[in-house]
């Protein structure tokens, strides 16, 4: 596990590094003294050294103490994007531009997104990734699981990529949405907010943008927890779609997406 963590430069997760450290500490803590194959074959022991156990307790206590301390802020408690929306409103802005901080997006496209938002101030300007050869194939094809669920949950093919983290939001409809409904606050945010805005007939325009995966790039995607969050989000949206289906189908018949 430790080898895979240090080898994969696209992955960064303190939880996994902590697990690696705990495993290391357990190897010197004689953790298999009582219940293990070694104990079964060679005989177990009733007493082990105390200092490795104390070191393990201290290490875990330090990590969770500072993790809890870091989370006592409005950005964590309300969601970073939601806190940003509220601050933008407080300062009198009408739009918010979102761009992921993972170094994958082309910042040279910022003027294009701003110009598109000025041309359609009532619309969300959502990026469509134009990948180069650096994109991992698993990520490229894995995105289609979300694409398909989005098409099901909107009964439309209009939303072409709800996972792209490069977009411009008009603040009024987004603030109304987050004030009236519960939205995911982690990796489920980007897709859920787009689907719910589509349900509310907020226009969505698309803009192609170049996406690269740097060799030294960092991803904060937690494979297990974020996939669970995303699966729960799609389940919520599916059941939300069912009672909206007549209205969504009527929109299709009217040629509105």
C-alpha atoms as a PDB file:
ATOM      1  CA  UNK A   1       0.000   0.000   0.000  1.00  0.00           C
ATOM      2  CA  UNK A   2       2.805   2.408   0.903  1.00  0.00           C
ATOM      3  CA  UNK A   3       4.490   1.742  -2.438  1.00  0.00           C
ATOM      4  CA  UNK A   4       1.329   2.572  -4.378  1.00  0.00           C
ATOM      5  CA  UNK A   5       0.820   5.818  -2.405  1.00  0.00           C
ATOM      6  CA  UNK A   6       4.285   7.165  -3.056  1.00  0.00           C
ATOM      7  CA  UNK A   7       4.351   5.912  -6.637  1.00  0.00           C
ATOM      8  CA  UNK A   8       1.070   7.517  -7.702  1.00  0.00           C
ATOM      9  CA  UNK A   9       1.791  11.239  -7.926  1.00  0.00           C
ATOM     10  CA  UNK A  10      -1.843  11.979  -8.852  1.00  0.00           C
ATOM     11  CA  UNK A  11      -3.057  10.880  -5.422  1.00  0.00           C
ATOM     12  CA  UNK A  12      -2.852  12.761  -2.164  1.00  0.00           C
ATOM     13  CA  UNK A  13      -4.784  11.693   0.897  1.00  0.00           C
ATOM     14  CA  UNK A  14      -3.777  12.222   4.510  1.00  0.00           C
ATOM     15  CA  UNK A  15      -6.056   9.370   5.557  1.00  0.00           C
ATOM     16  CA  UNK A  16      -4.069   6.880   3.510  1.00  0.00           C
ATOM     17  CA  UNK A  17      -0.731   8.200   4.745  1.00  0.00           C
ATOM     18  CA  UNK A  18      -2.030   7.867   8.303  1.00  0.00           C
ATOM     19  CA  UNK A  19      -3.037   4.264   7.602  1.00  0.00           C
ATOM     20  CA  UNK A  20       0.479   3.575   6.312  1.00  0.00           C
ATOM     21  CA  UNK A  21       2.000   5.093   9.455  1.00  0.00           C
ATOM     22  CA  UNK A  22      -0.324   3.073  11.699  1.00  0.00           C
ATOM     23  CA  UNK A  23       0.673  -0.144   9.930  1.00  0.00           C
ATOM     24  CA  UNK A  24       4.328   0.776  10.463  1.00  0.00           C
ATOM     25  CA  UNK A  25       3.743   1.398  14.163  1.00  0.00           C
ATOM     26  CA  UNK A  26       1.871  -1.879  14.519  1.00  0.00           C
ATOM     27  CA  UNK A  27       4.852  -3.786  13.147  1.00  0.00           C
ATOM     28  CA  UNK A  28       6.964  -2.624  16.110  1.00  0.00           C
ATOM     29  CA  UNK A  29       4.121  -2.823  18.641  1.00  0.00           C
ATOM     30  CA  UNK A  30       4.038  -6.632  18.666  1.00  0.00           C
ATOM     31  CA  UNK A  31       0.385  -6.381  17.643  1.00  0.00           C
ATOM     32  CA  UNK A  32       0.243 -10.043  16.710  1.00  0.00           C
ATOM     33  CA  UNK A  33       1.298 -11.267  20.139  1.00  0.00           C
ATOM     34  CA  UNK A  34      -2.101 -12.726  20.973  1.00  0.00           C
ATOM     35  CA  UNK A  35      -4.341 -13.051  17.912  1.00  0.00           C
ATOM     36  CA  UNK A  36      -2.357 -13.913  14.787  1.00  0.00           C
ATOM     37  CA  UNK A  37      -1.047 -16.878  12.836  1.00  0.00           C
ATOM     38  CA  UNK A  38       2.356 -16.362  14.420  1.00  0.00           C
ATOM     39  CA  UNK A  39       0.798 -16.562  17.881  1.00  0.00           C
ATOM     40  CA  UNK A  40      -1.092 -19.691  16.888  1.00  0.00           C
ATOM     41  CA  UNK A  41       2.014 -21.418  15.560  1.00  0.00           C
ATOM     42  CA  UNK A  42       4.608 -20.279  18.105  1.00  0.00           C
ATOM     43  CA  UNK A  43       2.473 -19.507  21.118  1.00  0.00           C
ATOM     44  CA  UNK A  44       0.998 -16.179  22.155  1.00  0.00           C
ATOM     45  CA  UNK A  45       2.112 -13.784  24.843  1.00  0.00           C
ATOM     46  CA  UNK A  46       0.121 -12.071  27.556  1.00  0.00           C
ATOM     47  CA  UNK A  47       2.427  -9.041  27.886  1.00  0.00           C
ATOM     48  CA  UNK A  48       3.877  -6.700  25.272  1.00  0.00           C
ATOM     49  CA  UNK A  49       5.919  -3.499  25.387  1.00  0.00           C
ATOM     50  CA  UNK A  50       3.908  -0.446  26.390  1.00  0.00           C
ATOM     51  CA  UNK A  51       5.807   2.316  24.575  1.00  0.00           C
ATOM     52  CA  UNK A  52       4.767   1.346  20.991  1.00  0.00           C
ATOM     53  CA  UNK A  53       1.097   1.353  22.061  1.00  0.00           C
ATOM     54  CA  UNK A  54       1.558   4.750  23.725  1.00  0.00           C
ATOM     55  CA  UNK A  55       3.250   6.077  20.576  1.00  0.00           C
ATOM     56  CA  UNK A  56       0.344   4.829  18.459  1.00  0.00           C
ATOM     57  CA  UNK A  57      -2.197   6.546  20.725  1.00  0.00           C
ATOM     58  CA  UNK A  58      -0.250   9.821  20.642  1.00  0.00           C
ATOM     59  CA  UNK A  59       0.082   9.755  16.845  1.00  0.00           C
ATOM     60  CA  UNK A  60      -3.623   9.172  16.237  1.00  0.00           C
ATOM     61  CA  UNK A  61      -4.588  11.765  18.874  1.00  0.00           C
ATOM     62  CA  UNK A  62      -2.405  14.415  17.224  1.00  0.00           C
ATOM     63  CA  UNK A  63      -3.866  13.771  13.774  1.00  0.00           C
ATOM     64  CA  UNK A  64      -7.500  13.881  14.863  1.00  0.00           C
ATOM     65  CA  UNK A  65      -6.992  16.842  17.185  1.00  0.00           C
ATOM     66  CA  UNK A  66      -5.587  19.020  14.413  1.00  0.00           C
ATOM     67  CA  UNK A  67      -8.092  17.657  11.888  1.00  0.00           C
ATOM     68  CA  UNK A  68     -10.941  18.692  14.187  1.00  0.00           C
ATOM     69  CA  UNK A  69      -9.342  22.084  14.834  1.00  0.00           C
ATOM     70  CA  UNK A  70      -8.934  22.751  11.117  1.00  0.00           C
ATOM     71  CA  UNK A  71     -12.608  22.030  10.480  1.00  0.00           C
ATOM     72  CA  UNK A  72     -13.900  24.682  12.885  1.00  0.00           C
ATOM     73  CA  UNK A  73     -14.363  27.306  10.166  1.00  0.00           C
ATOM     74  CA  UNK A  74     -17.215  28.491   7.998  1.00  0.00           C
ATOM     75  CA  UNK A  75     -15.682  27.155   4.776  1.00  0.00           C
ATOM     76  CA  UNK A  76     -15.654  23.599   6.070  1.00  0.00           C
ATOM     77  CA  UNK A  77     -18.963  23.721   7.906  1.00  0.00           C
ATOM     78  CA  UNK A  78     -20.901  25.267   5.033  1.00  0.00           C
ATOM     79  CA  UNK A  79     -18.862  24.007   2.069  1.00  0.00           C
ATOM     80  CA  UNK A  80     -16.110  26.033   0.418  1.00  0.00           C
ATOM     81  CA  UNK A  81     -18.127  26.813  -2.710  1.00  0.00           C
ATOM     82  CA  UNK A  82     -21.238  27.770  -0.736  1.00  0.00           C
ATOM     83  CA  UNK A  83     -19.176  30.032   1.503  1.00  0.00           C
ATOM     84  CA  UNK A  84     -17.678  31.612  -1.621  1.00  0.00           C
ATOM     85  CA  UNK A  85     -21.136  32.232  -3.074  1.00  0.00           C
ATOM     86  CA  UNK A  86     -22.259  33.930   0.126  1.00  0.00           C
ATOM     87  CA  UNK A  87     -19.155  36.122   0.239  1.00  0.00           C
ATOM     88  CA  UNK A  88     -19.561  37.096  -3.423  1.00  0.00           C
ATOM     89  CA  UNK A  89     -23.150  38.137  -2.739  1.00  0.00           C
ATOM     90  CA  UNK A  90     -22.067  40.146   0.300  1.00  0.00           C
ATOM     91  CA  UNK A  91     -19.610  42.054  -1.883  1.00  0.00           C
ATOM     92  CA  UNK A  92     -22.223  42.778  -4.524  1.00  0.00           C
ATOM     93  CA  UNK A  93     -21.054  40.462  -7.313  1.00  0.00           C
ATOM     94  CA  UNK A  94     -23.512  38.996  -9.807  1.00  0.00           C
ATOM     95  CA  UNK A  95     -21.456  36.003 -10.990  1.00  0.00           C
ATOM     96  CA  UNK A  96     -18.909  33.538  -9.622  1.00  0.00           C
ATOM     97  CA  UNK A  97     -16.187  31.892 -11.676  1.00  0.00           C
ATOM     98  CA  UNK A  98     -15.118  28.449 -10.494  1.00  0.00           C
ATOM     99  CA  UNK A  99     -11.867  26.766 -11.532  1.00  0.00           C
ATOM    100  CA  UNK A 100     -10.403  23.673  -9.881  1.00  0.00           C
ATOM    101  CA  UNK A 101      -7.069  24.144  -8.122  1.00  0.00           C
ATOM    102  CA  UNK A 102      -5.533  20.901  -9.405  1.00  0.00           C
ATOM    103  CA  UNK A 103      -3.605  22.521 -12.265  1.00  0.00           C
ATOM    104  CA  UNK A 104      -5.526  20.658 -14.967  1.00  0.00           C
ATOM    105  CA  UNK A 105      -7.415  23.612 -16.468  1.00  0.00           C
ATOM    106  CA  UNK A 106      -6.126  26.193 -18.927  1.00  0.00           C
ATOM    107  CA  UNK A 107      -6.244  29.582 -17.189  1.00  0.00           C
ATOM    108  CA  UNK A 108      -5.761  31.179 -20.580  1.00  0.00           C
ATOM    109  CA  UNK A 109      -9.440  30.427 -21.182  1.00  0.00           C
ATOM    110  CA  UNK A 110     -10.583  32.714 -18.351  1.00  0.00           C
ATOM    111  CA  UNK A 111     -11.347  35.659 -20.713  1.00  0.00           C
ATOM    112  CA  UNK A 112     -13.439  33.362 -22.927  1.00  0.00           C
ATOM    113  CA  UNK A 113     -15.564  32.218 -19.987  1.00  0.00           C
ATOM    114  CA  UNK A 114     -16.010  35.796 -18.763  1.00  0.00           C
ATOM    115  CA  UNK A 115     -17.015  36.985 -22.241  1.00  0.00           C
ATOM    116  CA  UNK A 116     -19.487  34.105 -22.563  1.00  0.00           C
ATOM    117  CA  UNK A 117     -21.028  35.007 -19.192  1.00  0.00           C
ATOM    118  CA  UNK A 118     -21.358  38.632 -20.260  1.00  0.00           C
ATOM    119  CA  UNK A 119     -23.107  37.532 -23.452  1.00  0.00           C
ATOM    120  CA  UNK A 120     -25.490  35.234 -21.528  1.00  0.00           C
ATOM    121  CA  UNK A 121     -25.715  36.680 -17.995  1.00  0.00           C
ATOM    122  CA  UNK A 122     -28.627  34.432 -17.024  1.00  0.00           C
ATOM    123  CA  UNK A 123     -26.847  31.197 -18.020  1.00  0.00           C
ATOM    124  CA  UNK A 124     -24.332  28.894 -16.403  1.00  0.00           C
ATOM    125  CA  UNK A 125     -21.239  28.711 -18.604  1.00  0.00           C
ATOM    126  CA  UNK A 126     -20.004  25.152 -18.150  1.00  0.00           C
ATOM    127  CA  UNK A 127     -16.706  23.882 -19.478  1.00  0.00           C
ATOM    128  CA  UNK A 128     -16.427  20.793 -21.654  1.00  0.00           C
ATOM    129  CA  UNK A 129     -13.010  19.137 -21.254  1.00  0.00           C
ATOM    130  CA  UNK A 130     -10.870  18.798 -24.359  1.00  0.00           C
ATOM    131  CA  UNK A 131      -8.356  16.215 -23.152  1.00  0.00           C
ATOM    132  CA  UNK A 132      -4.870  15.650 -24.442  1.00  0.00           C
ATOM    133  CA  UNK A 133      -2.878  12.409 -24.324  1.00  0.00           C
ATOM    134  CA  UNK A 134      -2.055  12.861 -20.625  1.00  0.00           C
ATOM    135  CA  UNK A 135      -5.540  11.908 -19.417  1.00  0.00           C
ATOM    136  CA  UNK A 136      -5.645   8.538 -17.613  1.00  0.00           C
ATOM    137  CA  UNK A 137      -7.966   6.220 -19.538  1.00  0.00           C
ATOM    138  CA  UNK A 138      -9.681   5.049 -16.339  1.00  0.00           C
ATOM    139  CA  UNK A 139     -10.694   8.622 -15.542  1.00  0.00           C
ATOM    140  CA  UNK A 140     -11.694   9.392 -19.116  1.00  0.00           C
ATOM    141  CA  UNK A 141     -14.058   6.447 -19.444  1.00  0.00           C
ATOM    142  CA  UNK A 142     -15.069   6.407 -15.783  1.00  0.00           C
ATOM    143  CA  UNK A 143     -16.708   9.807 -16.209  1.00  0.00           C
ATOM    144  CA  UNK A 144     -19.354   8.226 -18.394  1.00  0.00           C
ATOM    145  CA  UNK A 145     -20.935   6.568 -15.364  1.00  0.00           C
ATOM    146  CA  UNK A 146     -21.852  10.053 -14.132  1.00  0.00           C
ATOM    147  CA  UNK A 147     -22.701  11.306 -17.631  1.00  0.00           C
ATOM    148  CA  UNK A 148     -25.239   8.500 -18.099  1.00  0.00           C
ATOM    149  CA  UNK A 149     -26.850   9.082 -14.710  1.00  0.00           C
ATOM    150  CA  UNK A 150     -27.087  12.814 -15.405  1.00  0.00           C
ATOM    151  CA  UNK A 151     -28.809  12.124 -18.732  1.00  0.00           C
ATOM    152  CA  UNK A 152     -31.233   9.802 -16.926  1.00  0.00           C
ATOM    153  CA  UNK A 153     -31.879  12.259 -14.095  1.00  0.00           C
ATOM    154  CA  UNK A 154     -32.555  15.139 -16.485  1.00  0.00           C
ATOM    155  CA  UNK A 155     -34.252  13.041 -19.199  1.00  0.00           C
ATOM    156  CA  UNK A 156     -32.054  14.978 -21.582  1.00  0.00           C
ATOM    157  CA  UNK A 157     -28.622  14.942 -23.235  1.00  0.00           C
ATOM    158  CA  UNK A 158     -28.221  18.687 -22.824  1.00  0.00           C
ATOM    159  CA  UNK A 159     -25.769  18.619 -19.894  1.00  0.00           C
ATOM    160  CA  UNK A 160     -22.663  17.327 -21.593  1.00  0.00           C
ATOM    161  CA  UNK A 161     -20.179  17.247 -18.680  1.00  0.00           C
ATOM    162  CA  UNK A 162     -21.234  18.134 -15.150  1.00  0.00           C
ATOM    163  CA  UNK A 163     -17.892  17.128 -13.617  1.00  0.00           C
ATOM    164  CA  UNK A 164     -15.778  19.816 -15.258  1.00  0.00           C
ATOM    165  CA  UNK A 165     -14.581  22.218 -12.551  1.00  0.00           C
ATOM    166  CA  UNK A 166     -14.288  25.232 -14.874  1.00  0.00           C
ATOM    167  CA  UNK A 167     -17.523  27.242 -15.077  1.00  0.00           C
ATOM    168  CA  UNK A 168     -19.265  30.549 -14.379  1.00  0.00           C
ATOM    169  CA  UNK A 169     -22.425  30.704 -12.252  1.00  0.00           C
ATOM    170  CA  UNK A 170     -25.015  33.493 -12.201  1.00  0.00           C
ATOM    171  CA  UNK A 171     -25.427  34.111  -8.469  1.00  0.00           C
ATOM    172  CA  UNK A 172     -29.199  34.747  -8.079  1.00  0.00           C
ATOM    173  CA  UNK A 173     -30.481  31.306  -9.209  1.00  0.00           C
ATOM    174  CA  UNK A 174     -27.636  29.484  -7.442  1.00  0.00           C
ATOM    175  CA  UNK A 175     -28.289  31.270  -4.147  1.00  0.00           C
ATOM    176  CA  UNK A 176     -32.006  30.544  -4.416  1.00  0.00           C
ATOM    177  CA  UNK A 177     -31.188  26.884  -5.001  1.00  0.00           C
ATOM    178  CA  UNK A 178     -28.800  26.471  -2.070  1.00  0.00           C
ATOM    179  CA  UNK A 179     -31.216  28.380   0.169  1.00  0.00           C
ATOM    180  CA  UNK A 180     -34.110  26.055  -0.635  1.00  0.00           C
ATOM    181  CA  UNK A 181     -32.479  22.647  -1.112  1.00  0.00           C
ATOM    182  CA  UNK A 182     -29.659  20.579   0.371  1.00  0.00           C
ATOM    183  CA  UNK A 183     -26.711  20.288  -1.997  1.00  0.00           C
ATOM    184  CA  UNK A 184     -23.680  18.026  -1.700  1.00  0.00           C
ATOM    185  CA  UNK A 185     -20.607  19.866  -0.394  1.00  0.00           C
ATOM    186  CA  UNK A 186     -17.725  17.709  -1.579  1.00  0.00           C
ATOM    187  CA  UNK A 187     -17.023  15.984  -4.880  1.00  0.00           C
ATOM    188  CA  UNK A 188     -20.774  15.596  -5.371  1.00  0.00           C
ATOM    189  CA  UNK A 189     -21.334  19.371  -5.505  1.00  0.00           C
ATOM    190  CA  UNK A 190     -20.412  20.059  -9.144  1.00  0.00           C
ATOM    191  CA  UNK A 191     -22.790  17.509 -10.644  1.00  0.00           C
ATOM    192  CA  UNK A 192     -25.680  17.987  -8.224  1.00  0.00           C
ATOM    193  CA  UNK A 193     -25.814  21.758  -8.569  1.00  0.00           C
ATOM    194  CA  UNK A 194     -25.891  21.478 -12.366  1.00  0.00           C
ATOM    195  CA  UNK A 195     -28.716  18.924 -12.398  1.00  0.00           C
ATOM    196  CA  UNK A 196     -30.815  20.914  -9.921  1.00  0.00           C
ATOM    197  CA  UNK A 197     -30.251  24.146 -11.828  1.00  0.00           C
ATOM    198  CA  UNK A 198     -31.338  22.365 -15.014  1.00  0.00           C
ATOM    199  CA  UNK A 199     -34.485  21.186 -13.245  1.00  0.00           C
ATOM    200  CA  UNK A 200     -35.191  24.847 -12.441  1.00  0.00           C
ATOM    201  CA  UNK A 201     -34.814  25.788 -16.115  1.00  0.00           C
ATOM    202  CA  UNK A 202     -31.647  27.814 -15.598  1.00  0.00           C
ATOM    203  CA  UNK A 203     -29.977  28.015 -19.042  1.00  0.00           C
ATOM    204  CA  UNK A 204     -26.683  26.149 -19.456  1.00  0.00           C
ATOM    205  CA  UNK A 205     -24.211  26.995 -22.208  1.00  0.00           C
ATOM    206  CA  UNK A 206     -21.100  24.947 -22.898  1.00  0.00           C
ATOM    207  CA  UNK A 207     -17.589  26.026 -23.732  1.00  0.00           C
ATOM    208  CA  UNK A 208     -14.773  23.684 -24.730  1.00  0.00           C
ATOM    209  CA  UNK A 209     -11.611  24.067 -22.672  1.00  0.00           C
ATOM    210  CA  UNK A 210      -8.282  22.267 -22.719  1.00  0.00           C
ATOM    211  CA  UNK A 211      -7.592  19.871 -19.832  1.00  0.00           C
ATOM    212  CA  UNK A 212      -4.229  18.280 -19.076  1.00  0.00           C
ATOM    213  CA  UNK A 213      -3.033  15.981 -16.311  1.00  0.00           C
ATOM    214  CA  UNK A 214       0.374  17.211 -15.076  1.00  0.00           C
ATOM    215  CA  UNK A 215       2.894  14.502 -14.197  1.00  0.00           C
ATOM    216  CA  UNK A 216       3.255  16.040 -10.720  1.00  0.00           C
ATOM    217  CA  UNK A 217      -0.445  16.822 -10.370  1.00  0.00           C
ATOM    218  CA  UNK A 218      -2.304  16.389  -7.085  1.00  0.00           C
ATOM    219  CA  UNK A 219      -5.827  14.987  -6.754  1.00  0.00           C
ATOM    220  CA  UNK A 220      -7.929  15.253  -3.604  1.00  0.00           C
ATOM    221  CA  UNK A 221     -10.434  12.665  -4.852  1.00  0.00           C
ATOM    222  CA  UNK A 222     -10.997   9.992  -2.193  1.00  0.00           C
ATOM    223  CA  UNK A 223     -11.719   6.843  -4.180  1.00  0.00           C
ATOM    224  CA  UNK A 224     -13.947   5.216  -1.576  1.00  0.00           C
ATOM    225  CA  UNK A 225     -15.643   8.080   0.243  1.00  0.00           C
ATOM    226  CA  UNK A 226     -16.216  10.284  -2.791  1.00  0.00           C
ATOM    227  CA  UNK A 227     -17.569   7.405  -4.864  1.00  0.00           C
ATOM    228  CA  UNK A 228     -20.017   6.672  -2.044  1.00  0.00           C
ATOM    229  CA  UNK A 229     -21.021  10.357  -1.940  1.00  0.00           C
ATOM    230  CA  UNK A 230     -21.497  10.435  -5.707  1.00  0.00           C
ATOM    231  CA  UNK A 231     -23.541   7.208  -5.669  1.00  0.00           C
ATOM    232  CA  UNK A 232     -25.803   8.622  -2.946  1.00  0.00           C
ATOM    233  CA  UNK A 233     -26.161  11.842  -4.941  1.00  0.00           C
ATOM    234  CA  UNK A 234     -27.261   9.977  -8.085  1.00  0.00           C
ATOM    235  CA  UNK A 235     -29.787   8.030  -5.994  1.00  0.00           C
ATOM    236  CA  UNK A 236     -31.233  11.263  -4.562  1.00  0.00           C
ATOM    237  CA  UNK A 237     -31.407  12.836  -7.997  1.00  0.00           C
ATOM    238  CA  UNK A 238     -33.033   9.774  -9.526  1.00  0.00           C
ATOM    239  CA  UNK A 239     -35.912   9.821  -7.055  1.00  0.00           C
ATOM    240  CA  UNK A 240     -36.140  13.591  -7.467  1.00  0.00           C
ATOM    241  CA  UNK A 241     -36.402  13.085 -11.213  1.00  0.00           C
ATOM    242  CA  UNK A 242     -39.313  10.645 -10.922  1.00  0.00           C
ATOM    243  CA  UNK A 243     -41.847  13.178  -9.699  1.00  0.00           C
ATOM    244  CA  UNK A 244     -40.407  15.834 -12.025  1.00  0.00           C
ATOM    245  CA  UNK A 245     -40.544  13.499 -15.043  1.00  0.00           C
ATOM    246  CA  UNK A 246     -43.839  14.808 -16.513  1.00  0.00           C
ATOM    247  CA  UNK A 247     -42.567  18.388 -16.444  1.00  0.00           C
ATOM    248  CA  UNK A 248     -39.159  17.387 -17.841  1.00  0.00           C
ATOM    249  CA  UNK A 249     -40.775  15.427 -20.659  1.00  0.00           C
ATOM    250  CA  UNK A 250     -43.095  18.344 -21.417  1.00  0.00           C
ATOM    251  CA  UNK A 251     -40.033  20.595 -21.728  1.00  0.00           C
ATOM    252  CA  UNK A 252     -38.573  18.131 -24.225  1.00  0.00           C
ATOM    253  CA  UNK A 253     -41.760  18.208 -26.258  1.00  0.00           C
ATOM    254  CA  UNK A 254     -41.607  22.005 -26.245  1.00  0.00           C
ATOM    255  CA  UNK A 255     -38.011  21.858 -27.462  1.00  0.00           C
ATOM    256  CA  UNK A 256     -36.570  23.343 -24.282  1.00  0.00           C
ATOM    257  CA  UNK A 257     -33.618  21.015 -23.718  1.00  0.00           C
END
